[in-house]
Amino acid sequence: MDKGKRLVVTALMGFLVWAPLAWAANEPGPVERAGKAVDNAAEKTGKAVKKAGEKVGEGVETAGKAVKKAAKKTGEAVGHAVEKTGEAIERAGEKVKPSPDKK
């Protein structure tokens, strides 16, 4: 075989051996696929944590509103009770006034 044919055969053999390896290099390997899966899991976890945080915030806000409403009602009830007690004490005091001749 002459030199030119050997060179063509060698080049062709090299191409046939290295072409599949070069093509496979463009495909993600197992480590790259695992890394991508970890990235996706981390992203989903981050979104879930954010959503849970928002739900907790909403729950705390709702609880705060309920406490505020209950405190307002309690304050109004206590205020009303204090007014009633004051009126009752005034009436009792009027009944217990000393007579004019005992001064």
C-alpha atoms as a PDB file:
ATOM      1  CA  MET A   1       0.000   0.000   0.000  1.00  0.00           C
ATOM      2  CA  ASP A   2       1.389   3.326  -0.805  1.00  0.00           C
ATOM      3  CA  LYS A   3       1.846   6.139   1.651  1.00  0.00           C
ATOM      4  CA  GLY A   4      -1.234   8.103   0.538  1.00  0.00           C
ATOM      5  CA  LYS A   5      -3.592   5.171   1.046  1.00  0.00           C
ATOM      6  CA  ARG A   6      -2.123   4.422   4.469  1.00  0.00           C
ATOM      7  CA  LEU A   7      -2.625   8.014   5.480  1.00  0.00           C
ATOM      8  CA  VAL A   8      -6.277   7.944   4.350  1.00  0.00           C
ATOM      9  CA  VAL A   9      -6.922   4.618   6.115  1.00  0.00           C
ATOM     10  CA  THR A  10      -5.275   5.893   9.314  1.00  0.00           C
ATOM     11  CA  ALA A  11      -7.259   9.114   9.204  1.00  0.00           C
ATOM     12  CA  LEU A  12     -10.486   7.204   8.562  1.00  0.00           C
ATOM     13  CA  MET A  13      -9.787   4.795  11.421  1.00  0.00           C
ATOM     14  CA  GLY A  14      -9.017   7.723  13.722  1.00  0.00           C
ATOM     15  CA  PHE A  15     -12.236   9.411  12.709  1.00  0.00           C
ATOM     16  CA  LEU A  16     -14.269   6.235  13.309  1.00  0.00           C
ATOM     17  CA  VAL A  17     -12.731   5.785  16.752  1.00  0.00           C
ATOM     18  CA  TRP A  18     -12.890   9.401  17.926  1.00  0.00           C
ATOM     19  CA  ALA A  19     -16.192  10.517  16.321  1.00  0.00           C
ATOM     20  CA  PRO A  20     -18.457   8.591  18.773  1.00  0.00           C
ATOM     21  CA  LEU A  21     -16.391   9.834  21.706  1.00  0.00           C
ATOM     22  CA  ALA A  22     -16.660  13.426  20.527  1.00  0.00           C
ATOM     23  CA  TRP A  23     -20.402  13.041  19.981  1.00  0.00           C
ATOM     24  CA  ALA A  24     -20.866  11.525  23.436  1.00  0.00           C
ATOM     25  CA  ALA A  25     -18.948  14.440  24.933  1.00  0.00           C
ATOM     26  CA  ASN A  26     -21.857  16.720  24.038  1.00  0.00           C
ATOM     27  CA  GLU A  27     -24.255  14.541  26.053  1.00  0.00           C
ATOM     28  CA  PRO A  28     -24.431  15.256  29.791  1.00  0.00           C
ATOM     29  CA  GLY A  29     -22.715  12.649  31.884  1.00  0.00           C
ATOM     30  CA  PRO A  30     -24.043  11.032  35.054  1.00  0.00           C
ATOM     31  CA  VAL A  31     -22.411  13.649  37.283  1.00  0.00           C
ATOM     32  CA  GLU A  32     -23.900  16.479  35.234  1.00  0.00           C
ATOM     33  CA  ARG A  33     -27.344  14.864  35.331  1.00  0.00           C
ATOM     34  CA  ALA A  34     -27.041  14.337  39.098  1.00  0.00           C
ATOM     35  CA  GLY A  35     -25.977  17.963  39.522  1.00  0.00           C
ATOM     36  CA  LYS A  36     -28.948  19.118  37.483  1.00  0.00           C
ATOM     37  CA  ALA A  37     -31.272  16.965  39.615  1.00  0.00           C
ATOM     38  CA  VAL A  38     -29.787  18.481  42.796  1.00  0.00           C
ATOM     39  CA  ASP A  39     -30.243  21.980  41.365  1.00  0.00           C
ATOM     40  CA  ASN A  40     -33.880  21.246  40.495  1.00  0.00           C
ATOM     41  CA  ALA A  41     -34.516  19.787  43.957  1.00  0.00           C
ATOM     42  CA  ALA A  42     -32.921  22.820  45.625  1.00  0.00           C
ATOM     43  CA  GLU A  43     -35.037  25.170  43.518  1.00  0.00           C
ATOM     44  CA  LYS A  44     -38.246  23.290  44.351  1.00  0.00           C
ATOM     45  CA  THR A  45     -37.303  23.237  48.042  1.00  0.00           C
ATOM     46  CA  GLY A  46     -36.621  26.971  47.969  1.00  0.00           C
ATOM     47  CA  LYS A  47     -40.011  27.649  46.422  1.00  0.00           C
ATOM     48  CA  ALA A  48     -41.732  25.397  48.968  1.00  0.00           C
ATOM     49  CA  VAL A  49     -39.969  27.134  51.876  1.00  0.00           C
ATOM     50  CA  LYS A  50     -40.933  30.538  50.489  1.00  0.00           C
ATOM     51  CA  LYS A  51     -44.566  29.453  50.110  1.00  0.00           C
ATOM     52  CA  ALA A  52     -44.590  27.996  53.637  1.00  0.00           C
ATOM     53  CA  GLY A  53     -43.127  31.245  54.981  1.00  0.00           C
ATOM     54  CA  GLU A  54     -45.864  33.224  53.274  1.00  0.00           C
ATOM     55  CA  LYS A  55     -48.508  30.921  54.781  1.00  0.00           C
ATOM     56  CA  VAL A  56     -46.975  31.339  58.243  1.00  0.00           C
ATOM     57  CA  GLY A  57     -46.968  35.113  57.768  1.00  0.00           C
ATOM     58  CA  GLU A  58     -50.620  35.045  56.756  1.00  0.00           C
ATOM     59  CA  GLY A  59     -51.440  32.897  59.802  1.00  0.00           C
ATOM     60  CA  VAL A  60     -49.615  35.256  62.145  1.00  0.00           C
ATOM     61  CA  GLU A  61     -51.391  38.235  60.587  1.00  0.00           C
ATOM     62  CA  THR A  62     -54.779  36.534  61.009  1.00  0.00           C
ATOM     63  CA  ALA A  63     -53.966  35.655  64.617  1.00  0.00           C
ATOM     64  CA  GLY A  64     -52.864  39.230  65.282  1.00  0.00           C
ATOM     65  CA  LYS A  65     -56.145  40.574  63.922  1.00  0.00           C
ATOM     66  CA  ALA A  66     -58.098  38.117  66.075  1.00  0.00           C
ATOM     67  CA  VAL A  67     -56.158  39.139  69.199  1.00  0.00           C
ATOM     68  CA  LYS A  68     -56.689  42.818  68.398  1.00  0.00           C
ATOM     69  CA  LYS A  69     -60.421  42.259  67.945  1.00  0.00           C
ATOM     70  CA  ALA A  70     -60.650  40.258  71.184  1.00  0.00           C
ATOM     71  CA  ALA A  71     -58.670  42.919  73.059  1.00  0.00           C
ATOM     72  CA  LYS A  72     -60.998  45.625  71.758  1.00  0.00           C
ATOM     73  CA  LYS A  73     -64.052  43.665  72.877  1.00  0.00           C
ATOM     74  CA  THR A  74     -62.450  42.941  76.237  1.00  0.00           C
ATOM     75  CA  GLY A  75     -61.536  46.600  76.655  1.00  0.00           C
ATOM     76  CA  GLU A  76     -65.066  47.675  75.815  1.00  0.00           C
ATOM     77  CA  ALA A  77     -66.510  45.124  78.249  1.00  0.00           C
ATOM     78  CA  VAL A  78     -64.149  46.210  81.038  1.00  0.00           C
ATOM     79  CA  GLY A  79     -64.880  49.870  80.324  1.00  0.00           C
ATOM     80  CA  HIS A  80     -68.618  49.216  80.469  1.00  0.00           C
ATOM     81  CA  ALA A  81     -68.201  47.261  83.698  1.00  0.00           C
ATOM     82  CA  VAL A  82     -66.154  50.082  85.243  1.00  0.00           C
ATOM     83  CA  GLU A  83     -68.839  52.607  84.269  1.00  0.00           C
ATOM     84  CA  LYS A  84     -71.563  50.436  85.807  1.00  0.00           C
ATOM     85  CA  THR A  85     -69.512  49.946  88.959  1.00  0.00           C
ATOM     86  CA  GLY A  86     -68.903  53.701  89.218  1.00  0.00           C
ATOM     87  CA  GLU A  87     -72.605  54.422  88.848  1.00  0.00           C
ATOM     88  CA  ALA A  88     -73.445  51.816  91.492  1.00  0.00           C
ATOM     89  CA  ILE A  89     -70.923  53.331  93.900  1.00  0.00           C
ATOM     90  CA  GLU A  90     -72.336  56.817  93.314  1.00  0.00           C
ATOM     91  CA  ARG A  91     -75.864  55.563  94.056  1.00  0.00           C
ATOM     92  CA  ALA A  92     -74.654  53.812  97.181  1.00  0.00           C
ATOM     93  CA  GLY A  93     -72.810  56.949  98.245  1.00  0.00           C
ATOM     94  CA  GLU A  94     -75.956  59.043  97.829  1.00  0.00           C
ATOM     95  CA  LYS A  95     -77.832  56.665 100.083  1.00  0.00           C
ATOM     96  CA  VAL A  96     -75.180  56.818 102.768  1.00  0.00           C
ATOM     97  CA  LYS A  97     -74.892  60.606 102.919  1.00  0.00           C
ATOM     98  CA  PRO A  98     -74.778  61.818 106.522  1.00  0.00           C
ATOM     99  CA  SER A  99     -77.885  63.569 107.744  1.00  0.00           C
ATOM    100  CA  PRO A 100     -77.593  67.354 108.146  1.00  0.00           C
ATOM    101  CA  ASP A 101     -78.037  67.263 111.945  1.00  0.00           C
ATOM    102  CA  LYS A 102     -75.067  64.882 112.435  1.00  0.00           C
ATOM    103  CA  LYS A 103     -72.479  67.274 110.983  1.00  0.00           C
END
